[in-house]
C-alpha cells in the first residue's frame, strides 16, 4: 500500500513538472531571441501614494551637522529595480513602503545617508517630489554590509529612504543614519 502511494505521488509530481514546463514554453530564458521584460519608469503618483501610506516617524533635519538615526528590521521582498521601473536599476530587495521619511529644511553642501546592518544591504533614496531616485552604485550593483550615499547640494523637501536586503535569506537588522554637512 505504501509503495502504491509513493508511486502515485511521483506520478503526480512528474505531471506537475510537465504542466509547468509546458506553461513556461520550456524556455530557460537563455535562448537567442528570448523576451526581455520591459521596465517602465515609476509614475510620480505611485511614489506619492507610497509616501501618503507611510505611517512611520518623519524626521526633520533643520541645520547642518544634525543627525537622524532609525533602527530598522528589513524584510522587503520586492526587487528595487521593479520599484524604480529600471530607472535607475537599483539592486536589492525592498519593501514597497519607504523604510524612513525625513524633511530637509535647510541648505546643505551634502546629505549623507548610510546603513549598518547584519546582512548585505543596499540604499535607495527618492528626492523631494519624486524628482530623482538615487541608489547605491548601480554600475557595480553594490551590495554591502554598510551601504552609503552622498547627495551633493540636496534640495529642501521630503525624502523617502528604502533600505534593501542583498538577498532573501532572513531579516536584516541595523541602523539607518542621515546627516547633513
N, C-alpha and C. Protein backbone atom coordinates (compact mmCIF):
# COMPACT_ATOMS: atom_id res chain seq x y z
N UNK A 1 0.81 -1.19 0.00
CA UNK A 1 0.00 0.00 0.00
C UNK A 1 0.86 1.26 0.00
N UNK A 2 1.94 1.27 0.83
CA UNK A 2 2.82 2.42 0.91
C UNK A 2 3.54 2.64 -0.42
N UNK A 3 3.96 1.54 -1.10
CA UNK A 3 4.63 1.67 -2.39
C UNK A 3 3.69 2.28 -3.42
N UNK A 4 2.44 1.91 -3.39
CA UNK A 4 1.46 2.44 -4.33
C UNK A 4 1.26 3.93 -4.10
N UNK A 5 1.19 4.35 -2.85
CA UNK A 5 1.02 5.77 -2.52
C UNK A 5 2.22 6.58 -2.99
N UNK A 6 3.45 6.03 -2.78
CA UNK A 6 4.66 6.73 -3.23
C UNK A 6 4.70 6.81 -4.75
N UNK A 7 4.35 5.75 -5.42
CA UNK A 7 4.35 5.74 -6.88
C UNK A 7 3.34 6.77 -7.41
N UNK A 8 2.18 6.83 -6.78
CA UNK A 8 1.16 7.80 -7.18
C UNK A 8 1.67 9.23 -6.98
N UNK A 9 2.36 9.49 -5.86
CA UNK A 9 2.92 10.82 -5.58
C UNK A 9 3.97 11.20 -6.62
N UNK A 10 4.81 10.24 -7.02
CA UNK A 10 5.84 10.50 -8.02
C UNK A 10 5.19 10.83 -9.36
N UNK A 11 4.16 10.09 -9.73
CA UNK A 11 3.44 10.35 -10.99
C UNK A 11 2.82 11.74 -10.96
N UNK A 12 2.21 12.13 -9.85
CA UNK A 12 1.62 13.47 -9.73
C UNK A 12 2.69 14.55 -9.84
N UNK A 13 3.84 14.32 -9.24
CA UNK A 13 4.94 15.27 -9.32
C UNK A 13 5.42 15.42 -10.76
N UNK A 14 5.58 14.32 -11.47
CA UNK A 14 6.01 14.37 -12.87
C UNK A 14 4.99 15.10 -13.74
N UNK A 15 3.72 14.87 -13.48
CA UNK A 15 2.68 15.57 -14.24
C UNK A 15 2.76 17.07 -13.96
N UNK A 16 2.94 17.45 -12.70
CA UNK A 16 3.04 18.87 -12.34
C UNK A 16 4.23 19.53 -13.02
N UNK A 17 5.38 18.85 -13.05
CA UNK A 17 6.57 19.38 -13.70
C UNK A 17 6.32 19.54 -15.20
N UNK A 18 5.69 18.55 -15.81
CA UNK A 18 5.40 18.61 -17.25
C UNK A 18 4.46 19.77 -17.56
N UNK A 19 3.43 19.97 -16.73
CA UNK A 19 2.50 21.08 -16.94
C UNK A 19 3.19 22.42 -16.77
N UNK A 20 4.06 22.53 -15.78
CA UNK A 20 4.79 23.77 -15.56
C UNK A 20 5.71 24.06 -16.74
N UNK A 21 6.41 23.06 -17.23
CA UNK A 21 7.30 23.24 -18.37
C UNK A 21 6.52 23.66 -19.61
N UNK A 22 5.34 23.05 -19.81
CA UNK A 22 4.51 23.43 -20.95
C UNK A 22 4.01 24.86 -20.82
N UNK A 23 3.62 25.25 -19.62
CA UNK A 23 3.11 26.60 -19.40
C UNK A 23 4.19 27.64 -19.63
N UNK A 24 5.43 27.29 -19.32
CA UNK A 24 6.55 28.22 -19.50
C UNK A 24 7.14 28.12 -20.90
N UNK A 25 6.63 27.25 -21.70
CA UNK A 25 7.13 27.08 -23.05
C UNK A 25 8.46 26.35 -23.08
N UNK A 26 8.84 25.76 -21.94
CA UNK A 26 10.09 25.03 -21.88
C UNK A 26 11.30 25.92 -21.99
N UNK A 27 11.13 27.22 -21.83
CA UNK A 27 12.21 28.16 -22.01
C UNK A 27 13.03 28.33 -20.74
N UNK A 28 14.33 28.41 -20.92
CA UNK A 28 15.21 28.71 -19.80
C UNK A 28 15.53 30.19 -19.75
N UNK A 29 15.08 30.92 -20.78
CA UNK A 29 15.36 32.35 -20.84
C UNK A 29 16.74 32.67 -21.40
N UNK A 30 17.50 31.66 -21.82
CA UNK A 30 18.84 31.91 -22.33
C UNK A 30 18.92 31.74 -23.84
N UNK A 31 17.83 31.32 -24.47
CA UNK A 31 17.86 31.13 -25.91
C UNK A 31 17.93 32.47 -26.62
N UNK A 32 18.49 32.48 -27.81
CA UNK A 32 18.53 33.69 -28.61
C UNK A 32 17.11 34.11 -28.93
N UNK A 33 16.85 35.39 -28.77
CA UNK A 33 15.52 35.90 -29.06
C UNK A 33 14.56 35.76 -27.89
N UNK A 34 15.03 35.33 -26.72
CA UNK A 34 14.16 35.23 -25.55
C UNK A 34 13.67 36.62 -25.18
N UNK A 35 12.43 36.72 -24.82
CA UNK A 35 11.83 38.01 -24.48
C UNK A 35 12.43 38.55 -23.19
N UNK A 36 12.76 39.83 -23.20
CA UNK A 36 13.25 40.52 -22.01
C UNK A 36 12.15 41.44 -21.53
N UNK A 37 11.79 41.37 -20.25
CA UNK A 37 10.71 42.24 -19.79
C UNK A 37 11.11 43.71 -19.91
N UNK A 38 10.17 44.53 -20.29
CA UNK A 38 10.40 45.95 -20.40
C UNK A 38 9.95 46.61 -19.11
N UNK A 39 10.87 47.30 -18.46
CA UNK A 39 10.55 48.00 -17.23
C UNK A 39 10.20 49.44 -17.56
N UNK A 40 9.13 49.92 -16.98
CA UNK A 40 8.69 51.29 -17.20
C UNK A 40 9.07 52.13 -15.99
N UNK A 41 9.40 53.43 -16.18
CA UNK A 41 9.68 54.28 -15.03
C UNK A 41 8.48 54.34 -14.09
N UNK A 42 8.76 54.52 -12.81
CA UNK A 42 7.69 54.59 -11.82
C UNK A 42 7.00 55.94 -11.93
N UNK A 43 5.68 55.96 -12.13
CA UNK A 43 4.98 57.24 -12.19
C UNK A 43 5.05 57.96 -10.85
N UNK A 44 5.12 59.28 -10.88
CA UNK A 44 5.21 60.09 -9.67
C UNK A 44 4.03 59.83 -8.76
N UNK A 45 2.83 59.54 -9.32
CA UNK A 45 1.67 59.31 -8.45
C UNK A 45 1.84 58.04 -7.61
N UNK A 46 2.61 57.04 -8.11
CA UNK A 46 2.87 55.84 -7.33
C UNK A 46 3.72 56.21 -6.12
N UNK A 47 4.76 57.01 -6.35
CA UNK A 47 5.61 57.44 -5.23
C UNK A 47 4.81 58.29 -4.25
N UNK A 48 3.93 59.13 -4.76
CA UNK A 48 3.10 59.95 -3.88
C UNK A 48 2.18 59.08 -3.02
N UNK A 49 1.63 58.00 -3.60
CA UNK A 49 0.77 57.10 -2.82
C UNK A 49 1.57 56.37 -1.75
N UNK A 50 2.80 55.96 -2.09
CA UNK A 50 3.65 55.29 -1.10
C UNK A 50 3.96 56.24 0.05
N UNK A 51 4.25 57.47 -0.28
CA UNK A 51 4.54 58.46 0.75
C UNK A 51 3.30 58.72 1.61
N UNK A 52 2.14 58.82 0.99
CA UNK A 52 0.89 59.06 1.74
C UNK A 52 0.55 57.89 2.65
N UNK A 53 0.92 56.68 2.26
CA UNK A 53 0.60 55.50 3.06
C UNK A 53 1.64 55.24 4.17
N UNK A 54 2.75 55.96 4.14
CA UNK A 54 3.80 55.77 5.14
C UNK A 54 3.27 56.17 6.51
N UNK A 55 3.38 55.26 7.49
CA UNK A 55 2.84 55.51 8.82
C UNK A 55 3.92 55.63 9.89
N UNK A 56 5.18 55.59 9.51
CA UNK A 56 6.26 55.66 10.49
C UNK A 56 6.61 57.10 10.85
N UNK A 57 7.64 57.25 11.67
CA UNK A 57 8.05 58.59 12.08
C UNK A 57 8.66 59.36 10.91
N UNK A 58 8.49 60.66 10.92
CA UNK A 58 9.08 61.53 9.90
C UNK A 58 10.11 62.41 10.61
N UNK A 59 11.36 62.23 10.21
CA UNK A 59 12.44 63.00 10.81
C UNK A 59 12.55 64.37 10.17
N UNK A 60 13.28 65.26 10.85
CA UNK A 60 13.48 66.61 10.33
C UNK A 60 14.95 66.99 10.53
N UNK A 61 15.61 67.37 9.44
CA UNK A 61 16.96 67.93 9.50
C UNK A 61 16.80 69.44 9.33
N UNK A 62 17.13 70.20 10.39
CA UNK A 62 16.91 71.64 10.35
C UNK A 62 18.18 72.45 10.23
N UNK A 63 19.34 71.82 10.44
CA UNK A 63 20.60 72.56 10.39
C UNK A 63 21.74 71.63 10.00
N UNK A 64 22.77 72.19 9.38
CA UNK A 64 23.96 71.37 9.08
C UNK A 64 24.51 70.79 10.38
N UNK A 65 25.03 69.59 10.31
CA UNK A 65 25.60 68.96 11.49
C UNK A 65 24.61 68.10 12.27
N UNK A 66 23.32 68.22 12.00
CA UNK A 66 22.34 67.39 12.68
C UNK A 66 22.38 65.97 12.12
N UNK A 67 21.97 65.01 12.95
CA UNK A 67 21.95 63.60 12.56
C UNK A 67 20.62 62.98 12.98
N UNK A 68 20.05 62.19 12.09
CA UNK A 68 18.86 61.40 12.38
C UNK A 68 19.27 59.94 12.37
N UNK A 69 18.77 59.15 13.31
CA UNK A 69 19.05 57.73 13.35
C UNK A 69 17.76 56.96 13.51
N UNK A 70 17.71 55.81 12.86
CA UNK A 70 16.49 54.99 12.90
C UNK A 70 16.87 53.51 12.85
N UNK A 71 16.52 52.73 13.90
CA UNK A 71 16.74 51.29 13.82
C UNK A 71 15.74 50.67 12.84
N UNK A 72 16.21 49.71 12.05
CA UNK A 72 15.34 49.08 11.05
C UNK A 72 15.50 47.56 11.10
N UNK A 73 14.42 46.88 10.79
CA UNK A 73 14.43 45.44 10.60
C UNK A 73 13.88 45.19 9.21
N UNK A 74 14.73 44.84 8.27
CA UNK A 74 14.37 44.75 6.86
C UNK A 74 13.84 43.37 6.51
N UNK A 75 12.70 43.35 5.84
CA UNK A 75 12.11 42.09 5.38
C UNK A 75 11.53 42.23 3.97
N UNK A 76 11.91 43.28 3.23
CA UNK A 76 11.37 43.53 1.91
C UNK A 76 11.62 42.39 0.93
N UNK A 77 10.64 42.18 0.04
CA UNK A 77 10.76 41.10 -0.95
C UNK A 77 10.58 41.59 -2.39
N UNK A 78 10.43 42.91 -2.58
CA UNK A 78 10.26 43.47 -3.92
C UNK A 78 11.63 43.87 -4.46
N UNK A 79 11.95 43.44 -5.66
CA UNK A 79 13.21 43.85 -6.26
C UNK A 79 13.18 45.36 -6.46
N UNK A 80 14.20 46.05 -5.98
CA UNK A 80 14.25 47.51 -6.09
C UNK A 80 14.14 47.96 -7.53
N UNK A 81 14.75 47.22 -8.45
CA UNK A 81 14.69 47.58 -9.86
C UNK A 81 13.25 47.59 -10.37
N UNK A 82 12.40 46.74 -9.83
CA UNK A 82 10.99 46.75 -10.22
C UNK A 82 10.28 47.96 -9.66
N UNK A 83 10.68 48.40 -8.47
CA UNK A 83 10.07 49.57 -7.85
C UNK A 83 10.44 50.84 -8.59
N UNK A 84 11.65 50.89 -9.16
CA UNK A 84 12.09 52.09 -9.89
C UNK A 84 11.74 52.03 -11.36
N UNK A 85 11.21 50.90 -11.82
CA UNK A 85 10.94 50.76 -13.24
C UNK A 85 12.22 50.65 -14.05
N UNK A 86 13.32 50.31 -13.39
CA UNK A 86 14.59 50.17 -14.09
C UNK A 86 15.34 51.46 -14.28
N UNK A 87 14.83 52.57 -13.76
CA UNK A 87 15.46 53.87 -13.96
C UNK A 87 15.59 54.60 -12.63
N UNK A 88 16.69 54.41 -11.91
CA UNK A 88 17.86 53.60 -12.21
C UNK A 88 17.63 52.14 -11.82
N UNK A 89 18.50 51.25 -12.29
CA UNK A 89 18.36 49.83 -11.97
C UNK A 89 18.96 49.49 -10.60
N UNK A 90 18.30 49.92 -9.55
CA UNK A 90 18.80 49.73 -8.18
C UNK A 90 18.81 48.26 -7.79
N UNK A 91 19.87 47.82 -7.08
CA UNK A 91 19.95 46.43 -6.64
C UNK A 91 19.22 46.20 -5.32
N UNK A 92 19.00 44.95 -4.96
CA UNK A 92 18.46 44.58 -3.66
C UNK A 92 16.96 44.35 -3.64
N UNK A 93 16.47 43.95 -2.47
CA UNK A 93 15.05 43.67 -2.24
C UNK A 93 14.54 44.64 -1.17
N UNK A 94 13.51 45.41 -1.51
CA UNK A 94 12.99 46.45 -0.63
C UNK A 94 11.52 46.20 -0.30
N UNK A 95 11.04 46.92 0.68
CA UNK A 95 9.63 46.97 0.99
C UNK A 95 8.99 47.92 -0.02
N UNK A 96 7.70 47.81 -0.28
CA UNK A 96 7.07 48.75 -1.20
C UNK A 96 6.83 50.10 -0.54
N UNK A 97 6.82 50.15 0.78
CA UNK A 97 6.73 51.41 1.52
C UNK A 97 8.14 51.84 1.89
N UNK A 98 8.39 53.15 1.99
CA UNK A 98 9.72 53.58 2.42
C UNK A 98 10.01 53.08 3.84
N UNK A 99 11.28 52.86 4.13
CA UNK A 99 11.70 52.47 5.47
C UNK A 99 11.80 53.68 6.39
N UNK A 100 12.02 54.85 5.80
CA UNK A 100 12.13 56.07 6.61
C UNK A 100 11.83 57.26 5.71
N UNK A 101 11.22 58.27 6.29
CA UNK A 101 10.91 59.52 5.59
C UNK A 101 11.44 60.66 6.45
N UNK A 102 12.04 61.64 5.80
CA UNK A 102 12.50 62.82 6.54
C UNK A 102 12.37 64.07 5.69
N UNK A 103 12.26 65.20 6.40
CA UNK A 103 12.19 66.50 5.75
C UNK A 103 13.52 67.21 5.91
N UNK A 104 14.05 67.74 4.82
CA UNK A 104 15.25 68.56 4.86
C UNK A 104 14.78 70.01 4.80
N UNK A 105 15.08 70.77 5.86
CA UNK A 105 14.58 72.14 5.97
C UNK A 105 15.70 73.17 5.99
N UNK A 106 16.86 72.81 5.46
CA UNK A 106 17.99 73.72 5.43
C UNK A 106 18.82 73.45 4.18
N UNK A 107 19.63 74.43 3.81
CA UNK A 107 20.56 74.23 2.70
C UNK A 107 21.79 73.51 3.22
N UNK A 108 22.23 72.51 2.49
CA UNK A 108 23.39 71.73 2.87
C UNK A 108 24.36 71.62 1.70
N UNK A 109 25.64 71.48 2.03
CA UNK A 109 26.63 71.18 1.00
C UNK A 109 26.48 69.74 0.55
N UNK A 110 26.12 68.84 1.50
CA UNK A 110 25.94 67.43 1.17
C UNK A 110 25.04 66.78 2.21
N UNK A 111 24.31 65.78 1.77
CA UNK A 111 23.45 64.97 2.62
C UNK A 111 24.01 63.56 2.58
N UNK A 112 24.29 62.98 3.76
CA UNK A 112 24.84 61.63 3.85
C UNK A 112 23.81 60.69 4.42
N UNK A 113 23.60 59.57 3.74
CA UNK A 113 22.65 58.55 4.19
C UNK A 113 23.40 57.23 4.20
N UNK A 114 23.37 56.52 5.34
CA UNK A 114 24.09 55.26 5.44
C UNK A 114 23.31 54.27 6.30
N UNK A 115 23.64 53.00 6.11
CA UNK A 115 23.01 51.93 6.87
C UNK A 115 24.08 50.93 7.27
N UNK A 116 24.05 50.51 8.52
CA UNK A 116 24.93 49.45 9.00
C UNK A 116 24.02 48.33 9.46
N UNK A 117 24.13 47.19 8.81
CA UNK A 117 23.23 46.09 9.11
C UNK A 117 23.94 44.78 9.39
N UNK A 118 23.14 43.78 9.70
CA UNK A 118 23.66 42.45 9.99
C UNK A 118 23.82 41.60 8.74
N UNK A 119 23.32 42.09 7.63
CA UNK A 119 23.41 41.36 6.37
C UNK A 119 23.71 42.31 5.22
N UNK A 120 23.89 41.75 4.04
CA UNK A 120 24.16 42.56 2.85
C UNK A 120 22.98 43.48 2.58
N UNK A 121 23.28 44.75 2.25
CA UNK A 121 22.23 45.76 2.14
C UNK A 121 22.50 46.71 0.97
N UNK A 122 21.45 47.42 0.59
CA UNK A 122 21.54 48.47 -0.43
C UNK A 122 20.74 49.67 0.05
N UNK A 123 20.92 50.80 -0.61
CA UNK A 123 20.15 52.01 -0.29
C UNK A 123 19.52 52.58 -1.56
N UNK A 124 18.32 53.11 -1.41
CA UNK A 124 17.64 53.80 -2.49
C UNK A 124 16.94 55.01 -1.87
N UNK A 125 17.11 56.19 -2.46
CA UNK A 125 16.54 57.42 -1.93
C UNK A 125 15.74 58.10 -3.03
N UNK A 126 14.51 58.50 -2.68
CA UNK A 126 13.67 59.27 -3.60
C UNK A 126 13.73 60.71 -3.10
N UNK A 127 14.18 61.62 -3.97
CA UNK A 127 14.31 63.02 -3.60
C UNK A 127 12.94 63.70 -3.58
N UNK A 128 12.87 64.95 -3.07
CA UNK A 128 11.57 65.62 -2.97
C UNK A 128 10.79 65.62 -4.29
N UNK A 129 9.49 65.42 -4.16
CA UNK A 129 8.55 65.41 -5.29
C UNK A 129 8.90 64.33 -6.32
N UNK A 130 9.67 63.32 -5.92
CA UNK A 130 9.99 62.23 -6.82
C UNK A 130 10.83 62.64 -8.01
N UNK A 131 11.58 63.75 -7.86
CA UNK A 131 12.38 64.26 -8.98
C UNK A 131 13.45 63.26 -9.41
N UNK A 132 14.12 62.66 -8.45
CA UNK A 132 15.19 61.72 -8.75
C UNK A 132 15.11 60.52 -7.82
N UNK A 133 15.58 59.39 -8.31
CA UNK A 133 15.77 58.20 -7.48
C UNK A 133 17.26 57.90 -7.55
N UNK A 134 17.90 57.84 -6.38
CA UNK A 134 19.34 57.61 -6.29
C UNK A 134 19.54 56.32 -5.51
N UNK A 135 20.47 55.48 -5.96
CA UNK A 135 20.73 54.25 -5.21
C UNK A 135 22.22 53.95 -5.18
N UNK A 136 22.58 53.01 -4.31
CA UNK A 136 23.98 52.61 -4.22
C UNK A 136 24.46 52.15 -5.58
N UNK A 137 25.74 52.24 -5.79
CA UNK A 137 26.43 52.03 -7.04
C UNK A 137 25.72 51.08 -8.01
N UNK A 138 25.02 51.67 -8.95
CA UNK A 138 24.25 50.91 -9.92
C UNK A 138 25.18 50.12 -10.85
N UNK A 139 26.29 50.71 -11.25
CA UNK A 139 27.20 50.05 -12.19
C UNK A 139 27.74 48.75 -11.63
N UNK A 140 28.07 48.75 -10.34
CA UNK A 140 28.63 47.56 -9.73
C UNK A 140 27.58 46.73 -9.01
N UNK A 141 26.29 47.19 -9.04
CA UNK A 141 25.23 46.51 -8.29
C UNK A 141 25.72 46.27 -6.86
N UNK A 142 26.25 47.33 -6.25
CA UNK A 142 26.90 47.23 -4.95
C UNK A 142 25.94 46.83 -3.84
N UNK A 143 26.27 45.71 -3.22
CA UNK A 143 25.53 45.21 -2.07
C UNK A 143 26.57 44.96 -1.00
N UNK A 144 26.43 45.62 0.16
CA UNK A 144 27.45 45.58 1.19
C UNK A 144 26.81 45.58 2.57
N UNK A 145 27.59 45.38 3.62
CA UNK A 145 27.08 45.47 4.99
C UNK A 145 26.87 46.92 5.40
N UNK A 146 27.53 47.87 4.71
CA UNK A 146 27.47 49.28 5.09
C UNK A 146 27.26 50.19 3.87
N UNK A 147 26.12 50.10 3.20
CA UNK A 147 25.90 50.98 2.05
C UNK A 147 25.77 52.43 2.49
N UNK A 148 26.22 53.34 1.62
CA UNK A 148 26.07 54.76 1.92
C UNK A 148 25.92 55.55 0.63
N UNK A 149 25.26 56.68 0.75
CA UNK A 149 25.07 57.60 -0.37
C UNK A 149 25.40 59.01 0.10
N UNK A 150 25.98 59.80 -0.77
CA UNK A 150 26.18 61.22 -0.50
C UNK A 150 25.50 61.99 -1.62
N UNK A 151 24.58 62.86 -1.24
CA UNK A 151 23.87 63.69 -2.21
C UNK A 151 24.41 65.12 -2.11
N UNK A 152 25.15 65.59 -3.12
CA UNK A 152 25.67 66.96 -3.07
C UNK A 152 24.55 67.98 -3.32
N UNK A 153 24.61 69.09 -2.62
CA UNK A 153 23.65 70.19 -2.78
C UNK A 153 22.20 69.69 -2.83
N UNK A 154 21.75 68.98 -1.81
CA UNK A 154 20.39 68.42 -1.84
C UNK A 154 19.33 69.50 -1.75
N UNK A 155 18.23 69.29 -2.44
CA UNK A 155 17.10 70.22 -2.40
C UNK A 155 16.36 70.07 -1.08
N UNK A 156 15.79 71.15 -0.59
CA UNK A 156 14.95 71.07 0.59
C UNK A 156 13.65 70.36 0.22
N UNK A 157 13.09 69.62 1.18
CA UNK A 157 11.84 68.92 0.94
C UNK A 157 11.83 67.57 1.61
N UNK A 158 10.86 66.74 1.22
CA UNK A 158 10.65 65.43 1.84
C UNK A 158 11.35 64.34 1.04
N UNK A 159 12.13 63.51 1.75
CA UNK A 159 12.88 62.41 1.17
C UNK A 159 12.31 61.08 1.66
N UNK A 160 12.32 60.08 0.77
CA UNK A 160 11.93 58.72 1.13
C UNK A 160 13.17 57.83 1.00
N UNK A 161 13.43 57.03 2.04
CA UNK A 161 14.60 56.15 2.04
C UNK A 161 14.12 54.70 2.08
N UNK A 162 14.64 53.90 1.17
CA UNK A 162 14.39 52.46 1.13
C UNK A 162 15.72 51.77 1.39
N UNK A 163 15.75 50.87 2.35
CA UNK A 163 16.95 50.09 2.60
C UNK A 163 16.63 48.67 2.13
N UNK A 164 17.47 48.16 1.25
CA UNK A 164 17.20 46.85 0.67
C UNK A 164 18.09 45.76 1.25
N UNK A 165 17.56 44.55 1.20
CA UNK A 165 18.35 43.37 1.56
C UNK A 165 19.09 42.90 0.31
N UNK A 166 20.28 42.37 0.52
CA UNK A 166 21.06 41.85 -0.60
C UNK A 166 20.54 40.51 -1.09
N UNK A 167 19.85 39.79 -0.22
CA UNK A 167 19.27 38.50 -0.61
C UNK A 167 18.04 38.26 0.26
N UNK A 168 17.32 37.21 -0.04
CA UNK A 168 16.06 36.94 0.66
C UNK A 168 16.20 35.99 1.84
N UNK A 169 17.41 35.67 2.23
CA UNK A 169 17.58 34.72 3.32
C UNK A 169 17.62 35.43 4.67
N UNK A 170 16.48 35.52 5.31
CA UNK A 170 16.39 36.07 6.66
C UNK A 170 16.30 37.58 6.69
N UNK A 171 15.88 38.07 7.85
CA UNK A 171 15.75 39.51 8.06
C UNK A 171 17.14 40.13 8.22
N UNK A 172 17.21 41.42 8.05
CA UNK A 172 18.44 42.17 8.19
C UNK A 172 18.15 43.33 9.12
N UNK A 173 18.75 43.34 10.29
CA UNK A 173 18.54 44.41 11.26
C UNK A 173 19.73 45.35 11.24
N UNK A 174 19.48 46.62 11.54
CA UNK A 174 20.59 47.57 11.58
C UNK A 174 20.09 48.96 11.88
N UNK A 175 20.98 49.94 11.61
CA UNK A 175 20.67 51.34 11.91
C UNK A 175 20.91 52.22 10.70
N UNK A 176 19.90 53.01 10.36
CA UNK A 176 19.98 53.99 9.30
C UNK A 176 20.40 55.32 9.91
N UNK A 177 21.33 56.01 9.25
CA UNK A 177 21.79 57.31 9.73
C UNK A 177 21.69 58.31 8.59
N UNK A 178 21.12 59.48 8.87
CA UNK A 178 21.01 60.57 7.91
C UNK A 178 21.66 61.79 8.56
N UNK A 179 22.62 62.40 7.86
CA UNK A 179 23.28 63.56 8.42
C UNK A 179 23.57 64.58 7.33
N UNK A 180 23.67 65.84 7.74
CA UNK A 180 23.93 66.91 6.79
C UNK A 180 25.23 67.62 7.10
N UNK A 181 25.83 68.17 6.05
CA UNK A 181 27.08 68.93 6.19
C UNK A 181 26.87 70.34 5.69
